[in-house]
Amino acid sequence: MSTVSLTGFFAAITASVVLPALFVGIRLLNNYGLRKRFLADDWFSILGLVFLVVVGVLYSEMRMTVATGFIASFGAYFAKVPILILYLRLFGVYTWLRNACYVLLIVPLFFLAGSASYGAALCSPDNKVMDMTFLVGCMRSGLGVCVWNAAVSLAADVVIFVLPLPVIFTLTVPRKKKIGLVIIFLVGILGVTASAIALYFKAISLAGNGTATTNVGEMLGPGIKGH
């Protein structure tokens, strides 16, 4: 049985959309105040927020369950893009790190596009009887694809989390500043935590034990990343 009330469910959805929107707004105002223009990572932050809002709306409507999972996966991807662009700007002189960023920008996107195409093919109504068996099979296959996407997202977040640390430790800056930089980048552990939460609850849903609690967990994953 569900352990989350309807009010609590919608409160979690609202918080997971409003809080990231607040942080993105602060980021945009700060960056525009400094540069009088938006950079590429700012625009990708906006795009990631758009995906997050769409996911929140679809969850609140409790419709298009399979589509919601795919959109959430793309939202999680575009939440990573601003971080990788920032890495390219700050540490682009390091060839290995620059190449790693390009790989992290390209490979997960291909995985997501491929899984979305696969899921769409499985759920295509062409020449099929639109009965409960078809709908259950579609949702089941969609959950499997979403679990795969969540696993790819978690792996990417772990790499993004550790990627700049070797460079930071070799910087010739005062120890206090170096510690400060490490602390700032360690905030990235929130992204890893969010991916782990999303993967855990998606796996529970795939196992057939999904409840409103698991829906909240799946929603909070992209929400935390949006911060």
C-alpha atoms as a PDB file:
ATOM      1  CA  MET A   1       0.000   0.000   0.000  1.00  0.00           C
ATOM      2  CA  SER A   2       1.026   3.595  -0.521  1.00  0.00           C
ATOM      3  CA  THR A   3       2.557   5.420   2.407  1.00  0.00           C
ATOM      4  CA  VAL A   4       2.351   8.847   0.754  1.00  0.00           C
ATOM      5  CA  SER A   5      -0.834  10.900   0.837  1.00  0.00           C
ATOM      6  CA  LEU A   6      -2.100  12.655  -2.278  1.00  0.00           C
ATOM      7  CA  THR A   7      -1.246  16.009  -0.705  1.00  0.00           C
ATOM      8  CA  GLY A   8       2.265  14.842   0.149  1.00  0.00           C
ATOM      9  CA  PHE A   9       2.715  13.448  -3.367  1.00  0.00           C
ATOM     10  CA  PHE A  10       1.847  16.748  -5.031  1.00  0.00           C
ATOM     11  CA  ALA A  11       3.888  18.663  -2.441  1.00  0.00           C
ATOM     12  CA  ALA A  12       6.957  16.589  -3.354  1.00  0.00           C
ATOM     13  CA  ILE A  13       6.384  17.228  -7.058  1.00  0.00           C
ATOM     14  CA  THR A  14       5.925  20.958  -6.491  1.00  0.00           C
ATOM     15  CA  ALA A  15       9.054  21.220  -4.340  1.00  0.00           C
ATOM     16  CA  SER A  16      11.139  19.265  -6.854  1.00  0.00           C
ATOM     17  CA  VAL A  17      10.173  21.768  -9.561  1.00  0.00           C
ATOM     18  CA  VAL A  18      10.059  25.056  -7.645  1.00  0.00           C
ATOM     19  CA  LEU A  19      13.369  24.679  -5.784  1.00  0.00           C
ATOM     20  CA  PRO A  20      15.450  23.911  -8.903  1.00  0.00           C
ATOM     21  CA  ALA A  21      13.707  26.803 -10.676  1.00  0.00           C
ATOM     22  CA  LEU A  22      14.729  29.095  -7.815  1.00  0.00           C
ATOM     23  CA  PHE A  23      18.368  27.987  -7.951  1.00  0.00           C
ATOM     24  CA  VAL A  24      18.500  28.258 -11.743  1.00  0.00           C
ATOM     25  CA  GLY A  25      16.979  31.747 -11.516  1.00  0.00           C
ATOM     26  CA  ILE A  26      19.609  32.844  -8.988  1.00  0.00           C
ATOM     27  CA  ARG A  27      22.339  31.405 -11.202  1.00  0.00           C
ATOM     28  CA  LEU A  28      21.044  33.241 -14.278  1.00  0.00           C
ATOM     29  CA  LEU A  29      20.700  36.568 -12.474  1.00  0.00           C
ATOM     30  CA  ASN A  30      24.196  36.261 -11.036  1.00  0.00           C
ATOM     31  CA  ASN A  31      25.822  35.292 -14.339  1.00  0.00           C
ATOM     32  CA  TYR A  32      23.978  37.987 -16.287  1.00  0.00           C
ATOM     33  CA  GLY A  33      24.973  40.576 -13.702  1.00  0.00           C
ATOM     34  CA  LEU A  34      28.629  39.608 -14.153  1.00  0.00           C
ATOM     35  CA  ARG A  35      28.767  39.171 -17.935  1.00  0.00           C
ATOM     36  CA  LYS A  36      25.658  41.001 -19.211  1.00  0.00           C
ATOM     37  CA  ARG A  37      24.865  37.913 -21.270  1.00  0.00           C
ATOM     38  CA  PHE A  38      24.100  34.218 -20.887  1.00  0.00           C
ATOM     39  CA  LEU A  39      26.692  31.561 -21.732  1.00  0.00           C
ATOM     40  CA  ALA A  40      26.046  28.109 -23.186  1.00  0.00           C
ATOM     41  CA  ASP A  41      25.839  26.407 -19.799  1.00  0.00           C
ATOM     42  CA  ASP A  42      23.201  28.948 -18.718  1.00  0.00           C
ATOM     43  CA  TRP A  43      20.998  28.063 -21.687  1.00  0.00           C
ATOM     44  CA  PHE A  44      21.398  24.353 -20.997  1.00  0.00           C
ATOM     45  CA  SER A  45      20.371  24.994 -17.387  1.00  0.00           C
ATOM     46  CA  ILE A  46      17.166  26.534 -18.723  1.00  0.00           C
ATOM     47  CA  LEU A  47      16.632  23.564 -21.043  1.00  0.00           C
ATOM     48  CA  GLY A  48      17.125  21.119 -18.180  1.00  0.00           C
ATOM     49  CA  LEU A  49      14.608  23.075 -16.108  1.00  0.00           C
ATOM     50  CA  VAL A  50      12.075  22.909 -18.960  1.00  0.00           C
ATOM     51  CA  PHE A  51      12.391  19.117 -19.030  1.00  0.00           C
ATOM     52  CA  LEU A  52      11.945  19.022 -15.262  1.00  0.00           C
ATOM     53  CA  VAL A  53       8.769  21.133 -15.429  1.00  0.00           C
ATOM     54  CA  VAL A  54       7.353  18.842 -18.128  1.00  0.00           C
ATOM     55  CA  VAL A  55       8.068  15.805 -15.952  1.00  0.00           C
ATOM     56  CA  GLY A  56       6.361  17.478 -12.999  1.00  0.00           C
ATOM     57  CA  VAL A  57       3.269  18.289 -15.068  1.00  0.00           C
ATOM     58  CA  LEU A  58       3.010  14.753 -16.427  1.00  0.00           C
ATOM     59  CA  TYR A  59       3.403  13.261 -12.956  1.00  0.00           C
ATOM     60  CA  SER A  60       0.758  15.602 -11.563  1.00  0.00           C
ATOM     61  CA  GLU A  61      -1.606  14.561 -14.350  1.00  0.00           C
ATOM     62  CA  MET A  62      -0.721  10.886 -13.684  1.00  0.00           C
ATOM     63  CA  ARG A  63      -0.844  10.240 -17.424  1.00  0.00           C
ATOM     64  CA  MET A  64       1.653   9.246 -20.089  1.00  0.00           C
ATOM     65  CA  THR A  65       3.585   7.158 -17.566  1.00  0.00           C
ATOM     66  CA  VAL A  66       6.074   5.713 -20.043  1.00  0.00           C
ATOM     67  CA  ALA A  67       6.672   9.060 -21.761  1.00  0.00           C
ATOM     68  CA  THR A  68       7.341  10.642 -18.378  1.00  0.00           C
ATOM     69  CA  GLY A  69      10.205   8.233 -17.740  1.00  0.00           C
ATOM     70  CA  PHE A  70      11.871   9.045 -21.048  1.00  0.00           C
ATOM     71  CA  ILE A  71      11.464  12.803 -20.587  1.00  0.00           C
ATOM     72  CA  ALA A  72      12.879  12.547 -17.059  1.00  0.00           C
ATOM     73  CA  SER A  73      15.941  10.767 -18.474  1.00  0.00           C
ATOM     74  CA  PHE A  74      16.569  13.574 -20.964  1.00  0.00           C
ATOM     75  CA  GLY A  75      16.021  16.095 -18.188  1.00  0.00           C
ATOM     76  CA  ALA A  76      18.707  14.374 -16.113  1.00  0.00           C
ATOM     77  CA  TYR A  77      21.056  14.463 -19.115  1.00  0.00           C
ATOM     78  CA  PHE A  78      20.601  18.183 -19.746  1.00  0.00           C
ATOM     79  CA  ALA A  79      21.187  18.831 -16.048  1.00  0.00           C
ATOM     80  CA  LYS A  80      24.710  17.431 -16.579  1.00  0.00           C
ATOM     81  CA  VAL A  81      25.494  19.498 -19.686  1.00  0.00           C
ATOM     82  CA  PRO A  82      26.088  22.848 -17.887  1.00  0.00           C
ATOM     83  CA  ILE A  83      28.539  21.147 -15.509  1.00  0.00           C
ATOM     84  CA  LEU A  84      30.505  19.617 -18.379  1.00  0.00           C
ATOM     85  CA  ILE A  85      30.589  22.931 -20.258  1.00  0.00           C
ATOM     86  CA  LEU A  86      31.884  24.576 -17.080  1.00  0.00           C
ATOM     87  CA  TYR A  87      34.618  21.919 -16.872  1.00  0.00           C
ATOM     88  CA  LEU A  88      35.583  22.646 -20.483  1.00  0.00           C
ATOM     89  CA  ARG A  89      35.805  26.347 -19.710  1.00  0.00           C
ATOM     90  CA  LEU A  90      37.843  25.936 -16.522  1.00  0.00           C
ATOM     91  CA  PHE A  91      39.996  22.900 -17.322  1.00  0.00           C
ATOM     92  CA  GLY A  92      39.916  22.718 -21.119  1.00  0.00           C
ATOM     93  CA  VAL A  93      43.704  23.035 -21.304  1.00  0.00           C
ATOM     94  CA  TYR A  94      43.977  19.467 -20.004  1.00  0.00           C
ATOM     95  CA  THR A  95      43.545  17.253 -23.059  1.00  0.00           C
ATOM     96  CA  TRP A  96      42.453  14.152 -21.153  1.00  0.00           C
ATOM     97  CA  LEU A  97      39.803  16.060 -19.222  1.00  0.00           C
ATOM     98  CA  ARG A  98      38.555  17.837 -22.339  1.00  0.00           C
ATOM     99  CA  ASN A  99      38.194  14.525 -24.182  1.00  0.00           C
ATOM    100  CA  ALA A 100      36.438  12.981 -21.188  1.00  0.00           C
ATOM    101  CA  CYS A 101      33.924  15.844 -21.196  1.00  0.00           C
ATOM    102  CA  TYR A 102      33.211  15.336 -24.897  1.00  0.00           C
ATOM    103  CA  VAL A 103      32.647  11.621 -24.304  1.00  0.00           C
ATOM    104  CA  LEU A 104      30.268  12.377 -21.431  1.00  0.00           C
ATOM    105  CA  LEU A 105      28.382  14.845 -23.622  1.00  0.00           C
ATOM    106  CA  ILE A 106      27.995  12.460 -26.563  1.00  0.00           C
ATOM    107  CA  VAL A 107      27.794   8.861 -25.306  1.00  0.00           C
ATOM    108  CA  PRO A 108      24.920   9.238 -22.782  1.00  0.00           C
ATOM    109  CA  LEU A 109      22.914  11.205 -25.364  1.00  0.00           C
ATOM    110  CA  PHE A 110      23.241   8.351 -27.860  1.00  0.00           C
ATOM    111  CA  PHE A 111      22.216   5.863 -25.167  1.00  0.00           C
ATOM    112  CA  LEU A 112      19.144   7.940 -24.318  1.00  0.00           C
ATOM    113  CA  ALA A 113      18.142   8.450 -27.953  1.00  0.00           C
ATOM    114  CA  GLY A 114      18.564   4.741 -28.631  1.00  0.00           C
ATOM    115  CA  SER A 115      16.578   3.655 -25.589  1.00  0.00           C
ATOM    116  CA  ALA A 116      13.816   6.160 -26.376  1.00  0.00           C
ATOM    117  CA  SER A 117      13.568   4.799 -29.931  1.00  0.00           C
ATOM    118  CA  TYR A 118      13.525   1.230 -28.611  1.00  0.00           C
ATOM    119  CA  GLY A 119      10.814   2.046 -26.083  1.00  0.00           C
ATOM    120  CA  ALA A 120       8.737   3.841 -28.717  1.00  0.00           C
ATOM    121  CA  ALA A 121       8.989   0.822 -31.019  1.00  0.00           C
ATOM    122  CA  LEU A 122       7.867  -1.545 -28.253  1.00  0.00           C
ATOM    123  CA  CYS A 123       4.875   0.663 -27.451  1.00  0.00           C
ATOM    124  CA  SER A 124       3.889   1.382 -31.050  1.00  0.00           C
ATOM    125  CA  PRO A 125       0.168   0.575 -31.523  1.00  0.00           C
ATOM    126  CA  ASP A 126       0.608  -0.336 -35.201  1.00  0.00           C
ATOM    127  CA  ASN A 127      -1.071  -3.674 -36.024  1.00  0.00           C
ATOM    128  CA  LYS A 128      -1.670  -4.387 -32.335  1.00  0.00           C
ATOM    129  CA  VAL A 129      -4.794  -4.761 -30.257  1.00  0.00           C
ATOM    130  CA  MET A 130      -5.028  -1.887 -27.786  1.00  0.00           C
ATOM    131  CA  ASP A 131      -6.071  -3.982 -24.809  1.00  0.00           C
ATOM    132  CA  MET A 132      -4.887  -4.200 -21.205  1.00  0.00           C
ATOM    133  CA  THR A 133      -2.269  -6.823 -22.086  1.00  0.00           C
ATOM    134  CA  PHE A 134      -0.679  -4.446 -24.584  1.00  0.00           C
ATOM    135  CA  LEU A 135      -0.736  -1.527 -22.140  1.00  0.00           C
ATOM    136  CA  VAL A 136       0.780  -3.563 -19.308  1.00  0.00           C
ATOM    137  CA  GLY A 137       3.495  -4.878 -21.628  1.00  0.00           C
ATOM    138  CA  CYS A 138       4.228  -1.361 -22.842  1.00  0.00           C
ATOM    139  CA  MET A 139       4.564  -0.020 -19.304  1.00  0.00           C
ATOM    140  CA  ARG A 140       6.716  -2.989 -18.288  1.00  0.00           C
ATOM    141  CA  SER A 141       9.124  -2.533 -21.189  1.00  0.00           C
ATOM    142  CA  GLY A 142       9.156   1.221 -20.565  1.00  0.00           C
ATOM    143  CA  LEU A 143      10.169   0.681 -16.947  1.00  0.00           C
ATOM    144  CA  GLY A 144      12.990  -1.602 -18.078  1.00  0.00           C
ATOM    145  CA  VAL A 145      14.311   1.079 -20.418  1.00  0.00           C
ATOM    146  CA  CYS A 146      14.011   3.694 -17.655  1.00  0.00           C
ATOM    147  CA  VAL A 147      16.045   1.500 -15.289  1.00  0.00           C
ATOM    148  CA  TRP A 148      18.740   1.212 -17.961  1.00  0.00           C
ATOM    149  CA  ASN A 149      18.717   4.986 -18.461  1.00  0.00           C
ATOM    150  CA  ALA A 150      18.984   5.538 -14.703  1.00  0.00           C
ATOM    151  CA  ALA A 151      21.988   3.197 -14.533  1.00  0.00           C
ATOM    152  CA  VAL A 152      23.731   5.081 -17.360  1.00  0.00           C
ATOM    153  CA  SER A 153      22.940   8.383 -15.630  1.00  0.00           C
ATOM    154  CA  LEU A 154      24.391   7.145 -12.334  1.00  0.00           C
ATOM    155  CA  ALA A 155      27.607   6.000 -14.038  1.00  0.00           C
ATOM    156  CA  ALA A 156      27.952   9.371 -15.786  1.00  0.00           C
ATOM    157  CA  ASP A 157      27.369  11.269 -12.531  1.00  0.00           C
ATOM    158  CA  VAL A 158      30.056   9.280 -10.730  1.00  0.00           C
ATOM    159  CA  VAL A 159      32.576  10.108 -13.482  1.00  0.00           C
ATOM    160  CA  ILE A 160      31.549  13.786 -13.481  1.00  0.00           C
ATOM    161  CA  PHE A 161      31.937  13.842  -9.705  1.00  0.00           C
ATOM    162  CA  VAL A 162      35.549  12.601  -9.698  1.00  0.00           C
ATOM    163  CA  LEU A 163      36.683  14.104 -13.019  1.00  0.00           C
ATOM    164  CA  PRO A 164      38.022  17.483 -11.802  1.00  0.00           C
ATOM    165  CA  LEU A 165      39.517  16.248  -8.531  1.00  0.00           C
ATOM    166  CA  PRO A 166      42.969  15.245  -9.935  1.00  0.00           C
ATOM    167  CA  VAL A 167      43.317  18.705 -11.494  1.00  0.00           C
ATOM    168  CA  ILE A 168      42.237  20.490  -8.319  1.00  0.00           C
ATOM    169  CA  PHE A 169      44.746  18.596  -6.195  1.00  0.00           C
ATOM    170  CA  THR A 170      47.602  19.625  -8.533  1.00  0.00           C
ATOM    171  CA  LEU A 171      46.718  23.332  -8.634  1.00  0.00           C
ATOM    172  CA  THR A 172      49.344  25.669  -7.204  1.00  0.00           C
ATOM    173  CA  VAL A 173      47.006  27.697  -5.028  1.00  0.00           C
ATOM    174  CA  PRO A 174      46.952  28.279  -1.268  1.00  0.00           C
ATOM    175  CA  ARG A 175      45.746  25.297   0.721  1.00  0.00           C
ATOM    176  CA  LYS A 176      42.624  27.124   1.939  1.00  0.00           C
ATOM    177  CA  LYS A 177      41.553  27.924  -1.623  1.00  0.00           C
ATOM    178  CA  LYS A 178      42.254  24.374  -2.719  1.00  0.00           C
ATOM    179  CA  ILE A 179      40.117  23.021   0.126  1.00  0.00           C
ATOM    180  CA  GLY A 180      37.379  25.461  -0.849  1.00  0.00           C
ATOM    181  CA  LEU A 181      37.447  24.250  -4.452  1.00  0.00           C
ATOM    182  CA  VAL A 182      37.271  20.636  -3.329  1.00  0.00           C
ATOM    183  CA  ILE A 183      34.265  21.415  -1.127  1.00  0.00           C
ATOM    184  CA  ILE A 184      32.505  23.180  -4.000  1.00  0.00           C
ATOM    185  CA  PHE A 185      32.986  20.262  -6.350  1.00  0.00           C
ATOM    186  CA  LEU A 186      32.053  17.768  -3.646  1.00  0.00           C
ATOM    187  CA  VAL A 187      28.573  19.271  -3.823  1.00  0.00           C
ATOM    188  CA  GLY A 188      28.396  17.154  -6.961  1.00  0.00           C
ATOM    189  CA  ILE A 189      27.740  14.225  -4.660  1.00  0.00           C
ATOM    190  CA  LEU A 190      24.132  15.468  -4.691  1.00  0.00           C
ATOM    191  CA  GLY A 191      23.955  14.492  -8.345  1.00  0.00           C
ATOM    192  CA  VAL A 192      25.286  11.021  -7.584  1.00  0.00           C
ATOM    193  CA  THR A 193      22.799  10.685  -4.729  1.00  0.00           C
ATOM    194  CA  ALA A 194      19.932  11.790  -6.975  1.00  0.00           C
ATOM    195  CA  SER A 195      20.873   9.238  -9.643  1.00  0.00           C
ATOM    196  CA  ALA A 196      21.128   6.488  -7.035  1.00  0.00           C
ATOM    197  CA  ILE A 197      17.695   7.408  -5.627  1.00  0.00           C
ATOM    198  CA  ALA A 198      16.105   7.416  -9.080  1.00  0.00           C
ATOM    199  CA  LEU A 199      17.694   4.072 -10.015  1.00  0.00           C
ATOM    200  CA  TYR A 200      16.623   2.470  -6.730  1.00  0.00           C
ATOM    201  CA  PHE A 201      12.972   3.447  -7.039  1.00  0.00           C
ATOM    202  CA  LYS A 202      12.797   2.652 -10.758  1.00  0.00           C
ATOM    203  CA  ALA A 203      14.163  -0.821  -9.987  1.00  0.00           C
ATOM    204  CA  ILE A 204      11.469  -1.257  -7.331  1.00  0.00           C
ATOM    205  CA  SER A 205       8.813  -0.269  -9.869  1.00  0.00           C
ATOM    206  CA  LEU A 206      10.250  -2.710 -12.417  1.00  0.00           C
ATOM    207  CA  ALA A 207      10.067  -5.485  -9.818  1.00  0.00           C
ATOM    208  CA  GLY A 208       6.344  -4.836  -9.512  1.00  0.00           C
ATOM    209  CA  ASN A 209       6.449  -3.237  -6.072  1.00  0.00           C
ATOM    210  CA  GLY A 210       5.803   0.345  -7.123  1.00  0.00           C
ATOM    211  CA  THR A 211       3.662   2.633  -4.960  1.00  0.00           C
ATOM    212  CA  ALA A 212       3.126   6.368  -4.617  1.00  0.00           C
ATOM    213  CA  THR A 213       6.282   6.332  -2.503  1.00  0.00           C
ATOM    214  CA  THR A 214       8.343   5.025  -5.416  1.00  0.00           C
ATOM    215  CA  ASN A 215       6.774   7.638  -7.712  1.00  0.00           C
ATOM    216  CA  VAL A 216       7.915  10.364  -5.318  1.00  0.00           C
ATOM    217  CA  GLY A 217      11.406   8.840  -5.226  1.00  0.00           C
ATOM    218  CA  GLU A 218      11.623   8.761  -9.006  1.00  0.00           C
ATOM    219  CA  MET A 219      10.463  12.374  -9.177  1.00  0.00           C
ATOM    220  CA  LEU A 220      12.882  13.610  -6.518  1.00  0.00           C
ATOM    221  CA  GLY A 221      15.866  12.187  -8.412  1.00  0.00           C
ATOM    222  CA  PRO A 222      15.668  14.659 -11.327  1.00  0.00           C
ATOM    223  CA  GLY A 223      14.581  17.348  -8.869  1.00  0.00           C
ATOM    224  CA  ILE A 224      17.768  17.105  -6.827  1.00  0.00           C
ATOM    225  CA  LYS A 225      19.835  17.193 -10.016  1.00  0.00           C
ATOM    226  CA  GLY A 226      18.085  20.366 -11.089  1.00  0.00           C
ATOM    227  CA  HIS A 227      19.682  22.140  -8.120  1.00  0.00           C
END
